[in-house]
PDB file of all heavy atoms in Angstrom:
ATOM      1  N   PRO A   1      73.556 157.041 148.432  1.00  0.00           N
ATOM      2  CA  PRO A   1      73.322 157.340 147.014  1.00  0.00           C
ATOM      3  C   PRO A   1      73.666 158.778 146.647  1.00  0.00           C
ATOM      4  O   PRO A   1      73.531 159.702 147.453  1.00  0.00           O
ATOM      5  CB  PRO A   1      71.824 157.086 146.844  1.00  0.00           C
ATOM      6  CG  PRO A   1      71.246 157.262 148.211  1.00  0.00           C
ATOM      7  CD  PRO A   1      72.313 156.827 149.174  1.00  0.00           C
ATOM      8  N   ALA A   2      74.099 158.927 145.410  1.00  0.00           N
ATOM      9  CA  ALA A   2      74.225 160.252 144.809  1.00  0.00           C
ATOM     10  C   ALA A   2      72.904 160.520 144.100  1.00  0.00           C
ATOM     11  O   ALA A   2      72.290 159.604 143.536  1.00  0.00           O
ATOM     12  CB  ALA A   2      75.380 160.283 143.817  1.00  0.00           C
ATOM     13  N   LEU A   3      72.476 161.757 144.100  1.00  0.00           N
ATOM     14  CA  LEU A   3      71.164 162.117 143.570  1.00  0.00           C
ATOM     15  C   LEU A   3      71.281 162.996 142.329  1.00  0.00           C
ATOM     16  O   LEU A   3      72.302 163.652 142.106  1.00  0.00           O
ATOM     17  CB  LEU A   3      70.359 162.851 144.646  1.00  0.00           C
ATOM     18  CG  LEU A   3      70.227 162.125 145.987  1.00  0.00           C
ATOM     19  CD1 LEU A   3      69.557 163.025 147.006  1.00  0.00           C
ATOM     20  CD2 LEU A   3      69.473 160.815 145.817  1.00  0.00           C
ATOM     21  N   TYR A   4      70.196 163.013 141.564  1.00  0.00           N
ATOM     22  CA  TYR A   4      70.141 163.853 140.371  1.00  0.00           C
ATOM     23  C   TYR A   4      70.535 165.299 140.695  1.00  0.00           C
ATOM     24  O   TYR A   4      70.121 165.858 141.694  1.00  0.00           O
ATOM     25  CB  TYR A   4      68.732 163.817 139.766  1.00  0.00           C
ATOM     26  CG  TYR A   4      68.497 164.889 138.755  1.00  0.00           C
ATOM     27  CD1 TYR A   4      69.212 164.902 137.559  1.00  0.00           C
ATOM     28  CD2 TYR A   4      67.591 165.910 138.991  1.00  0.00           C
ATOM     29  CE1 TYR A   4      69.023 165.910 136.629  1.00  0.00           C
ATOM     30  CE2 TYR A   4      67.382 166.912 138.060  1.00  0.00           C
ATOM     31  CZ  TYR A   4      68.111 166.904 136.879  1.00  0.00           C
ATOM     32  OH  TYR A   4      67.917 167.906 135.965  1.00  0.00           O
ATOM     33  N   ASP A   5      71.356 165.865 139.846  1.00  0.00           N
ATOM     34  CA  ASP A   5      71.811 167.255 139.871  1.00  0.00           C
ATOM     35  C   ASP A   5      72.811 167.572 140.983  1.00  0.00           C
ATOM     36  O   ASP A   5      73.232 168.712 141.131  1.00  0.00           O
ATOM     37  CB  ASP A   5      70.628 168.233 139.923  1.00  0.00           C
ATOM     38  CG  ASP A   5      71.005 169.599 139.371  1.00  0.00           C
ATOM     39  OD1 ASP A   5      71.760 169.655 138.370  1.00  0.00           O
ATOM     40  OD2 ASP A   5      70.572 170.619 139.931  1.00  0.00           O
ATOM     41  N   GLU A   6      73.210 166.565 141.768  1.00  0.00           N
ATOM     42  CA  GLU A   6      74.256 166.812 142.752  1.00  0.00           C
ATOM     43  C   GLU A   6      75.599 166.970 142.033  1.00  0.00           C
ATOM     44  O   GLU A   6      75.884 166.254 141.077  1.00  0.00           O
ATOM     45  CB  GLU A   6      74.381 165.646 143.737  1.00  0.00           C
ATOM     46  CG  GLU A   6      73.391 165.680 144.854  1.00  0.00           C
ATOM     47  CD  GLU A   6      73.699 164.653 145.931  1.00  0.00           C
ATOM     48  OE1 GLU A   6      73.965 163.482 145.611  1.00  0.00           O
ATOM     49  OE2 GLU A   6      73.648 165.038 147.107  1.00  0.00           O
ATOM     50  N   LEU A   7      76.382 167.904 142.525  1.00  0.00           N
ATOM     51  CA  LEU A   7      77.737 168.068 142.026  1.00  0.00           C
ATOM     52  C   LEU A   7      78.641 167.197 142.897  1.00  0.00           C
ATOM     53  O   LEU A   7      78.744 167.411 144.102  1.00  0.00           O
ATOM     54  CB  LEU A   7      78.186 169.525 142.081  1.00  0.00           C
ATOM     55  CG  LEU A   7      79.560 169.808 141.486  1.00  0.00           C
ATOM     56  CD1 LEU A   7      79.575 169.495 139.991  1.00  0.00           C
ATOM     57  CD2 LEU A   7      79.946 171.263 141.728  1.00  0.00           C
ATOM     58  N   LEU A   8      79.271 166.199 142.280  1.00  0.00           N
ATOM     59  CA  LEU A   8      80.122 165.281 143.013  1.00  0.00           C
ATOM     60  C   LEU A   8      81.585 165.638 142.813  1.00  0.00           C
ATOM     61  O   LEU A   8      81.978 166.123 141.758  1.00  0.00           O
ATOM     62  CB  LEU A   8      79.890 163.846 142.526  1.00  0.00           C
ATOM     63  CG  LEU A   8      78.463 163.328 142.608  1.00  0.00           C
ATOM     64  CD1 LEU A   8      78.401 161.902 142.070  1.00  0.00           C
ATOM     65  CD2 LEU A   8      77.919 163.405 144.025  1.00  0.00           C
ATOM     66  N   VAL A   9      82.369 165.381 143.835  1.00  0.00           N
ATOM     67  CA  VAL A   9      83.818 165.494 143.757  1.00  0.00           C
ATOM     68  C   VAL A   9      84.360 164.079 143.723  1.00  0.00           C
ATOM     69  O   VAL A   9      84.055 163.278 144.612  1.00  0.00           O
ATOM     70  CB  VAL A   9      84.399 166.249 144.970  1.00  0.00           C
ATOM     71  CG1 VAL A   9      85.916 166.238 144.935  1.00  0.00           C
ATOM     72  CG2 VAL A   9      83.867 167.667 145.029  1.00  0.00           C
ATOM     73  N   ILE A  10      85.121 163.770 142.685  1.00  0.00           N
ATOM     74  CA  ILE A  10      85.764 162.464 142.586  1.00  0.00           C
ATOM     75  C   ILE A  10      87.252 162.690 142.771  1.00  0.00           C
ATOM     76  O   ILE A  10      87.883 163.404 142.007  1.00  0.00           O
ATOM     77  CB  ILE A  10      85.475 161.764 141.247  1.00  0.00           C
ATOM     78  CG1 ILE A  10      83.979 161.501 141.089  1.00  0.00           C
ATOM     79  CG2 ILE A  10      86.204 160.429 141.177  1.00  0.00           C
ATOM     80  CD1 ILE A  10      83.248 162.567 140.404  1.00  0.00           C
ATOM     81  N   ARG A  11      87.782 162.087 143.813  1.00  0.00           N
ATOM     82  CA  ARG A  11      89.210 162.210 144.138  1.00  0.00           C
ATOM     83  C   ARG A  11      89.895 160.915 143.727  1.00  0.00           C
ATOM     84  O   ARG A  11      89.521 159.836 144.188  1.00  0.00           O
ATOM     85  CB  ARG A  11      89.362 162.466 145.629  1.00  0.00           C
ATOM     86  CG  ARG A  11      90.776 162.642 146.096  1.00  0.00           C
ATOM     87  CD  ARG A  11      90.768 162.912 147.613  1.00  0.00           C
ATOM     88  NE  ARG A  11      92.091 162.873 148.159  1.00  0.00           N
ATOM     89  CZ  ARG A  11      92.848 163.941 148.372  1.00  0.00           C
ATOM     90  NH1 ARG A  11      92.389 165.140 148.092  1.00  0.00           N
ATOM     91  NH2 ARG A  11      94.052 163.821 148.866  1.00  0.00           N
ATOM     92  N   ALA A  12      90.888 161.032 142.866  1.00  0.00           N
ATOM     93  CA  ALA A  12      91.667 159.882 142.408  1.00  0.00           C
ATOM     94  C   ALA A  12      93.071 160.013 142.977  1.00  0.00           C
ATOM     95  O   ALA A  12      93.697 161.065 142.834  1.00  0.00           O
ATOM     96  CB  ALA A  12      91.709 159.832 140.887  1.00  0.00           C
ATOM     97  N   CYS A  13      93.558 158.949 143.614  1.00  0.00           N
ATOM     98  CA  CYS A  13      94.881 158.979 144.240  1.00  0.00           C
ATOM     99  C   CYS A  13      95.741 157.818 143.777  1.00  0.00           C
ATOM    100  O   CYS A  13      95.320 156.663 143.848  1.00  0.00           O
ATOM    101  CB  CYS A  13      94.765 158.933 145.758  1.00  0.00           C
ATOM    102  SG  CYS A  13      94.038 160.407 146.485  1.00  0.00           S
ATOM    103  N   LEU A  14      96.917 158.173 143.355  1.00  0.00           N
ATOM    104  CA  LEU A  14      97.949 157.201 143.023  1.00  0.00           C
ATOM    105  C   LEU A  14      98.850 157.148 144.250  1.00  0.00           C
ATOM    106  O   LEU A  14      99.566 158.102 144.540  1.00  0.00           O
ATOM    107  CB  LEU A  14      98.703 157.682 141.784  1.00  0.00           C
ATOM    108  CG  LEU A  14      99.762 156.798 141.189  1.00  0.00           C
ATOM    109  CD1 LEU A  14      99.179 155.469 140.757  1.00  0.00           C
ATOM    110  CD2 LEU A  14     100.395 157.504 139.995  1.00  0.00           C
ATOM    111  N   LYS A  15      98.779 156.040 144.998  1.00  0.00           N
ATOM    112  CA  LYS A  15      99.468 155.974 146.290  1.00  0.00           C
ATOM    113  C   LYS A  15     100.863 155.390 146.229  1.00  0.00           C
ATOM    114  O   LYS A  15     101.603 155.464 147.196  1.00  0.00           O
ATOM    115  CB  LYS A  15      98.615 155.209 147.291  1.00  0.00           C
ATOM    116  CG  LYS A  15      97.338 155.967 147.634  1.00  0.00           C
ATOM    117  CD  LYS A  15      96.572 155.300 148.727  1.00  0.00           C
ATOM    118  CE  LYS A  15      95.381 156.161 149.120  1.00  0.00           C
ATOM    119  NZ  LYS A  15      94.558 155.532 150.130  1.00  0.00           N
ATOM    120  N   SER A  16     101.200 154.783 145.099  1.00  0.00           N
ATOM    121  CA  SER A  16     102.547 154.227 144.958  1.00  0.00           C
ATOM    122  C   SER A  16     103.031 154.438 143.530  1.00  0.00           C
ATOM    123  O   SER A  16     102.236 154.531 142.601  1.00  0.00           O
ATOM    124  CB  SER A  16     102.568 152.739 145.325  1.00  0.00           C
ATOM    125  OG  SER A  16     101.727 152.012 144.469  1.00  0.00           O
ATOM    126  N   LEU A  17     104.321 154.524 143.394  1.00  0.00           N
ATOM    127  CA  LEU A  17     104.928 154.692 142.083  1.00  0.00           C
ATOM    128  C   LEU A  17     104.649 153.436 141.255  1.00  0.00           C
ATOM    129  O   LEU A  17     104.972 152.333 141.688  1.00  0.00           O
ATOM    130  CB  LEU A  17     106.432 154.918 142.235  1.00  0.00           C
ATOM    131  CG  LEU A  17     107.195 155.355 141.002  1.00  0.00           C
ATOM    132  CD1 LEU A  17     106.710 156.705 140.517  1.00  0.00           C
ATOM    133  CD2 LEU A  17     108.682 155.420 141.306  1.00  0.00           C
ATOM    134  N   PRO A  18     104.029 153.580 140.100  1.00  0.00           N
ATOM    135  CA  PRO A  18     103.687 152.388 139.319  1.00  0.00           C
ATOM    136  C   PRO A  18     104.916 151.708 138.721  1.00  0.00           C
ATOM    137  O   PRO A  18     105.896 152.363 138.391  1.00  0.00           O
ATOM    138  CB  PRO A  18     102.774 152.928 138.222  1.00  0.00           C
ATOM    139  CG  PRO A  18     103.102 154.366 138.114  1.00  0.00           C
ATOM    140  CD  PRO A  18     103.595 154.811 139.453  1.00  0.00           C
ATOM    141  N   GLU A  19     104.808 150.412 138.628  1.00  0.00           N
ATOM    142  CA  GLU A  19     105.839 149.634 137.938  1.00  0.00           C
ATOM    143  C   GLU A  19     105.195 149.024 136.695  1.00  0.00           C
ATOM    144  O   GLU A  19     105.387 149.508 135.593  1.00  0.00           O
ATOM    145  CB  GLU A  19     106.418 148.582 138.865  1.00  0.00           C
ATOM    146  CG  GLU A  19     107.219 149.198 139.999  1.00  0.00           C
ATOM    147  CD  GLU A  19     107.832 148.161 140.909  1.00  0.00           C
ATOM    148  OE1 GLU A  19     107.924 146.985 140.513  1.00  0.00           O
ATOM    149  OE2 GLU A  19     108.218 148.529 142.029  1.00  0.00           O
ATOM    150  N   ILE A  20     104.394 147.997 136.885  1.00  0.00           N
ATOM    151  CA  ILE A  20     103.645 147.383 135.790  1.00  0.00           C
ATOM    152  C   ILE A  20     102.162 147.705 135.941  1.00  0.00           C
ATOM    153  O   ILE A  20     101.447 147.831 134.967  1.00  0.00           O
ATOM    154  CB  ILE A  20     103.879 145.853 135.758  1.00  0.00           C
ATOM    155  CG1 ILE A  20     105.343 145.582 135.410  1.00  0.00           C
ATOM    156  CG2 ILE A  20     102.970 145.174 134.748  1.00  0.00           C
ATOM    157  CD1 ILE A  20     105.749 144.123 135.504  1.00  0.00           C
ATOM    158  N   LYS A  21     101.733 147.869 137.178  1.00  0.00           N
ATOM    159  CA  LYS A  21     100.325 148.138 137.481  1.00  0.00           C
ATOM    160  C   LYS A  21     100.129 149.600 137.863  1.00  0.00           C
ATOM    161  O   LYS A  21     100.986 150.205 138.492  1.00  0.00           O
ATOM    162  CB  LYS A  21      99.853 147.254 138.623  1.00  0.00           C
ATOM    163  CG  LYS A  21      99.961 145.783 138.321  1.00  0.00           C
ATOM    164  CD  LYS A  21      99.666 144.978 139.555  1.00  0.00           C
ATOM    165  CE  LYS A  21     100.028 143.530 139.331  1.00  0.00           C
ATOM    166  NZ  LYS A  21     100.100 142.794 140.581  1.00  0.00           N
ATOM    167  N   LEU A  22      98.985 150.121 137.491  1.00  0.00           N
ATOM    168  CA  LEU A  22      98.574 151.466 137.877  1.00  0.00           C
ATOM    169  C   LEU A  22      97.416 151.285 138.853  1.00  0.00           C
ATOM    170  O   LEU A  22      96.300 150.939 138.460  1.00  0.00           O
ATOM    171  CB  LEU A  22      98.147 152.264 136.638  1.00  0.00           C
ATOM    172  CG  LEU A  22      97.831 153.727 136.827  1.00  0.00           C
ATOM    173  CD1 LEU A  22      99.047 154.487 137.354  1.00  0.00           C
ATOM    174  CD2 LEU A  22      97.353 154.334 135.529  1.00  0.00           C
ATOM    175  N   ASP A  23      97.681 151.453 140.136  1.00  0.00           N
ATOM    176  CA  ASP A  23      96.743 151.187 141.213  1.00  0.00           C
ATOM    177  C   ASP A  23      96.195 152.518 141.720  1.00  0.00           C
ATOM    178  O   ASP A  23      96.946 153.317 142.302  1.00  0.00           O
ATOM    179  CB  ASP A  23      97.483 150.427 142.319  1.00  0.00           C
ATOM    180  CG  ASP A  23      96.572 149.861 143.376  1.00  0.00           C
ATOM    181  OD1 ASP A  23      95.346 149.936 143.232  1.00  0.00           O
ATOM    182  OD2 ASP A  23      97.110 149.331 144.368  1.00  0.00           O
ATOM    183  N   ILE A  24      94.901 152.759 141.505  1.00  0.00           N
ATOM    184  CA  ILE A  24      94.315 154.061 141.832  1.00  0.00           C
ATOM    185  C   ILE A  24      93.147 153.887 142.799  1.00  0.00           C
ATOM    186  O   ILE A  24      92.254 153.061 142.579  1.00  0.00           O
ATOM    187  CB  ILE A  24      93.836 154.787 140.561  1.00  0.00           C
ATOM    188  CG1 ILE A  24      95.021 154.974 139.611  1.00  0.00           C
ATOM    189  CG2 ILE A  24      93.190 156.120 140.900  1.00  0.00           C
ATOM    190  CD1 ILE A  24      94.648 155.516 138.264  1.00  0.00           C
ATOM    191  N   ASP A  25      93.158 154.670 143.876  1.00  0.00           N
ATOM    192  CA  ASP A  25      92.051 154.713 144.831  1.00  0.00           C
ATOM    193  C   ASP A  25      91.174 155.914 144.516  1.00  0.00           C
ATOM    194  O   ASP A  25      91.671 156.973 144.112  1.00  0.00           O
ATOM    195  CB  ASP A  25      92.576 154.836 146.261  1.00  0.00           C
ATOM    196  CG  ASP A  25      93.244 153.566 146.749  1.00  0.00           C
ATOM    197  OD1 ASP A  25      92.890 152.477 146.259  1.00  0.00           O
ATOM    198  OD2 ASP A  25      94.129 153.659 147.622  1.00  0.00           O
ATOM    199  N   TYR A  26      89.866 155.743 144.743  1.00  0.00           N
ATOM    200  CA  TYR A  26      88.897 156.804 144.466  1.00  0.00           C
ATOM    201  C   TYR A  26      88.039 157.043 145.694  1.00  0.00           C
ATOM    202  O   TYR A  26      87.703 156.107 146.422  1.00  0.00           O
ATOM    203  CB  TYR A  26      87.960 156.403 143.318  1.00  0.00           C
ATOM    204  CG  TYR A  26      88.662 155.988 142.067  1.00  0.00           C
ATOM    205  CD1 TYR A  26      88.986 154.659 141.834  1.00  0.00           C
ATOM    206  CD2 TYR A  26      89.013 156.923 141.099  1.00  0.00           C
ATOM    207  CE1 TYR A  26      89.644 154.268 140.684  1.00  0.00           C
ATOM    208  CE2 TYR A  26      89.666 156.541 139.944  1.00  0.00           C
ATOM    209  CZ  TYR A  26      89.979 155.209 139.746  1.00  0.00           C
ATOM    210  OH  TYR A  26      90.626 154.827 138.609  1.00  0.00           O
ATOM    211  N   GLU A  27      87.665 158.307 145.871  1.00  0.00           N
ATOM    212  CA  GLU A  27      86.682 158.690 146.876  1.00  0.00           C
ATOM    213  C   GLU A  27      85.725 159.655 146.197  1.00  0.00           C
ATOM    214  O   GLU A  27      86.157 160.550 145.465  1.00  0.00           O
ATOM    215  CB  GLU A  27      87.344 159.378 148.064  1.00  0.00           C
ATOM    216  CG  GLU A  27      88.296 158.489 148.834  1.00  0.00           C
ATOM    217  CD  GLU A  27      89.054 159.250 149.917  1.00  0.00           C
ATOM    218  OE1 GLU A  27      89.091 160.501 149.879  1.00  0.00           O
ATOM    219  OE2 GLU A  27      89.624 158.589 150.795  1.00  0.00           O
ATOM    220  N   VAL A  28      84.425 159.463 146.452  1.00  0.00           N
ATOM    221  CA  VAL A  28      83.409 160.328 145.863  1.00  0.00           C
ATOM    222  C   VAL A  28      82.638 160.979 147.002  1.00  0.00           C
ATOM    223  O   VAL A  28      82.190 160.296 147.931  1.00  0.00           O
ATOM    224  CB  VAL A  28      82.445 159.528 144.948  1.00  0.00           C
ATOM    225  CG1 VAL A  28      81.384 160.447 144.352  1.00  0.00           C
ATOM    226  CG2 VAL A  28      83.218 158.812 143.843  1.00  0.00           C
ATOM    227  N   TYR A  29      82.499 162.301 146.910  1.00  0.00           N
ATOM    228  CA  TYR A  29      81.782 163.086 147.918  1.00  0.00           C
ATOM    229  C   TYR A  29      80.708 163.935 147.246  1.00  0.00           C
ATOM    230  O   TYR A  29      80.881 164.376 146.112  1.00  0.00           O
ATOM    231  CB  TYR A  29      82.752 164.034 148.658  1.00  0.00           C
ATOM    232  CG  TYR A  29      83.803 163.296 149.438  1.00  0.00           C
ATOM    233  CD1 TYR A  29      85.031 162.989 148.866  1.00  0.00           C
ATOM    234  CD2 TYR A  29      83.562 162.895 150.746  1.00  0.00           C
ATOM    235  CE1 TYR A  29      86.004 162.302 149.578  1.00  0.00           C
ATOM    236  CE2 TYR A  29      84.532 162.206 151.463  1.00  0.00           C
ATOM    237  CZ  TYR A  29      85.744 161.916 150.871  1.00  0.00           C
ATOM    238  OH  TYR A  29      86.695 161.232 151.584  1.00  0.00           O
ATOM    239  N   ASN A  30      79.614 164.189 147.993  1.00  0.00           N
ATOM    240  CA  ASN A  30      78.586 165.086 147.470  1.00  0.00           C
ATOM    241  C   ASN A  30      78.892 166.524 147.881  1.00  0.00           C
ATOM    242  O   ASN A  30      79.935 166.808 148.472  1.00  0.00           O
ATOM    243  CB  ASN A  30      77.186 164.640 147.884  1.00  0.00           C
ATOM    244  CG  ASN A  30      76.947 164.723 149.386  1.00  0.00           C
ATOM    245  OD1 ASN A  30      77.715 165.333 150.140  1.00  0.00           O
ATOM    246  ND2 ASN A  30      75.870 164.097 149.838  1.00  0.00           N
ATOM    247  N   GLN A  31      77.970 167.436 147.576  1.00  0.00           N
ATOM    248  CA  GLN A  31      78.190 168.865 147.835  1.00  0.00           C
ATOM    249  C   GLN A  31      78.295 169.179 149.323  1.00  0.00           C
ATOM    250  O   GLN A  31      78.868 170.198 149.698  1.00  0.00           O
ATOM    251  CB  GLN A  31      77.040 169.678 147.221  1.00  0.00           C
ATOM    252  CG  GLN A  31      77.058 169.654 145.711  1.00  0.00           C
ATOM    253  CD  GLN A  31      75.797 170.219 145.116  1.00  0.00           C
ATOM    254  OE1 GLN A  31      74.960 169.471 144.647  1.00  0.00           O
ATOM    255  NE2 GLN A  31      75.659 171.522 145.124  1.00  0.00           N
ATOM    256  N   GLN A  32      77.747 168.322 150.154  1.00  0.00           N
ATOM    257  CA  GLN A  32      77.837 168.513 151.608  1.00  0.00           C
ATOM    258  C   GLN A  32      79.087 167.832 152.173  1.00  0.00           C
ATOM    259  O   GLN A  32      79.228 167.715 153.385  1.00  0.00           O
ATOM    260  CB  GLN A  32      76.580 167.968 152.308  1.00  0.00           C
ATOM    261  CG  GLN A  32      75.307 168.745 152.024  1.00  0.00           C
ATOM    262  CD  GLN A  32      74.745 168.439 150.633  1.00  0.00           C
ATOM    263  OE1 GLN A  32      74.796 167.308 150.170  1.00  0.00           O
ATOM    264  NE2 GLN A  32      74.227 169.461 149.980  1.00  0.00           N
ATOM    265  N   ASN A  33      79.954 167.368 151.288  1.00  0.00           N
ATOM    266  CA  ASN A  33      81.197 166.685 151.645  1.00  0.00           C
ATOM    267  C   ASN A  33      80.947 165.363 152.382  1.00  0.00           C
ATOM    268  O   ASN A  33      81.781 164.914 153.162  1.00  0.00           O
ATOM    269  CB  ASN A  33      82.117 167.599 152.460  1.00  0.00           C
ATOM    270  CG  ASN A  33      83.565 167.173 152.343  1.00  0.00           C
ATOM    271  OD1 ASN A  33      84.004 166.696 151.306  1.00  0.00           O
ATOM    272  ND2 ASN A  33      84.311 167.327 153.415  1.00  0.00           N
ATOM    273  N   LYS A  34      79.787 164.756 152.119  1.00  0.00           N
ATOM    274  CA  LYS A  34      79.486 163.454 152.695  1.00  0.00           C
ATOM    275  C   LYS A  34      79.959 162.376 151.724  1.00  0.00           C
ATOM    276  O   LYS A  34      79.787 162.500 150.508  1.00  0.00           O
ATOM    277  CB  LYS A  34      77.986 163.314 152.949  1.00  0.00           C
ATOM    278  CG  LYS A  34      77.508 164.230 154.048  1.00  0.00           C
ATOM    279  CD  LYS A  34      76.065 163.989 154.369  1.00  0.00           C
ATOM    280  CE  LYS A  34      75.656 164.918 155.500  1.00  0.00           C
ATOM    281  NZ  LYS A  34      74.239 164.795 155.810  1.00  0.00           N
ATOM    282  N   PRO A  35      80.552 161.299 152.248  1.00  0.00           N
ATOM    283  CA  PRO A  35      81.059 160.251 151.362  1.00  0.00           C
ATOM    284  C   PRO A  35      79.929 159.501 150.661  1.00  0.00           C
ATOM    285  O   PRO A  35      78.965 159.078 151.304  1.00  0.00           O
ATOM    286  CB  PRO A  35      81.839 159.334 152.302  1.00  0.00           C
ATOM    287  CG  PRO A  35      81.311 159.610 153.654  1.00  0.00           C
ATOM    288  CD  PRO A  35      80.795 161.013 153.662  1.00  0.00           C
ATOM    289  N   ILE A  36      80.072 159.361 149.365  1.00  0.00           N
ATOM    290  CA  ILE A  36      79.113 158.622 148.545  1.00  0.00           C
ATOM    291  C   ILE A  36      79.623 157.199 148.324  1.00  0.00           C
ATOM    292  O   ILE A  36      78.888 156.235 148.476  1.00  0.00           O
ATOM    293  CB  ILE A  36      78.903 159.331 147.188  1.00  0.00           C
ATOM    294  CG1 ILE A  36      78.337 160.744 147.394  1.00  0.00           C
ATOM    295  CG2 ILE A  36      78.025 158.508 146.260  1.00  0.00           C
ATOM    296  CD1 ILE A  36      76.961 160.788 148.008  1.00  0.00           C
ATOM    297  N   CYS A  37      80.863 157.081 147.929  1.00  0.00           N
ATOM    298  CA  CYS A  37      81.454 155.761 147.739  1.00  0.00           C
ATOM    299  C   CYS A  37      82.972 155.887 147.707  1.00  0.00           C
ATOM    300  O   CYS A  37      83.515 156.986 147.620  1.00  0.00           O
ATOM    301  CB  CYS A  37      80.942 155.088 146.466  1.00  0.00           C
ATOM    302  SG  CYS A  37      81.628 155.707 144.936  1.00  0.00           S
ATOM    303  N   LYS A  38      83.615 154.740 147.786  1.00  0.00           N
ATOM    304  CA  LYS A  38      85.048 154.682 147.577  1.00  0.00           C
ATOM    305  C   LYS A  38      85.319 153.465 146.718  1.00  0.00           C
ATOM    306  O   LYS A  38      84.497 152.543 146.641  1.00  0.00           O
ATOM    307  CB  LYS A  38      85.823 154.646 148.889  1.00  0.00           C
ATOM    308  CG  LYS A  38      85.607 153.420 149.734  1.00  0.00           C
ATOM    309  CD  LYS A  38      86.422 153.510 151.008  1.00  0.00           C
ATOM    310  CE  LYS A  38      86.263 152.247 151.828  1.00  0.00           C
ATOM    311  NZ  LYS A  38      87.116 152.279 153.024  1.00  0.00           N
ATOM    312  N   GLY A  39      86.453 153.490 146.061  1.00  0.00           N
ATOM    313  CA  GLY A  39      86.748 152.370 145.182  1.00  0.00           C
ATOM    314  C   GLY A  39      88.218 152.305 144.820  1.00  0.00           C
ATOM    315  O   GLY A  39      89.031 153.114 145.276  1.00  0.00           O
ATOM    316  N   ASN A  40      88.512 151.334 143.991  1.00  0.00           N
ATOM    317  CA  ASN A  40      89.877 151.128 143.529  1.00  0.00           C
ATOM    318  C   ASN A  40      89.816 150.480 142.157  1.00  0.00           C
ATOM    319  O   ASN A  40      88.974 149.621 141.902  1.00  0.00           O
ATOM    320  CB  ASN A  40      90.633 150.215 144.496  1.00  0.00           C
ATOM    321  CG  ASN A  40      92.009 149.849 143.985  1.00  0.00           C
ATOM    322  OD1 ASN A  40      92.167 148.896 143.238  1.00  0.00           O
ATOM    323  ND2 ASN A  40      92.997 150.626 144.377  1.00  0.00           N
ATOM    324  N   SER A  41      90.706 150.916 141.290  1.00  0.00           N
ATOM    325  CA  SER A  41      90.886 150.219 140.017  1.00  0.00           C
ATOM    326  C   SER A  41      92.366 149.931 139.849  1.00  0.00           C
ATOM    327  O   SER A  41      93.213 150.726 140.236  1.00  0.00           O
ATOM    328  CB  SER A  41      90.350 151.033 138.828  1.00  0.00           C
ATOM    329  OG  SER A  41      91.120 152.191 138.615  1.00  0.00           O
TER     330      SER A  41
END
């Protein structure tokens, strides 16, 4: 979990040149650089 008042880093990566779809991977880290979650849209 991420906690109240934590400063999170959200990293968004476009790993391939888009054609019709925009495929983005995400990684979220807390201030201690511990992974909070990862995702994709």
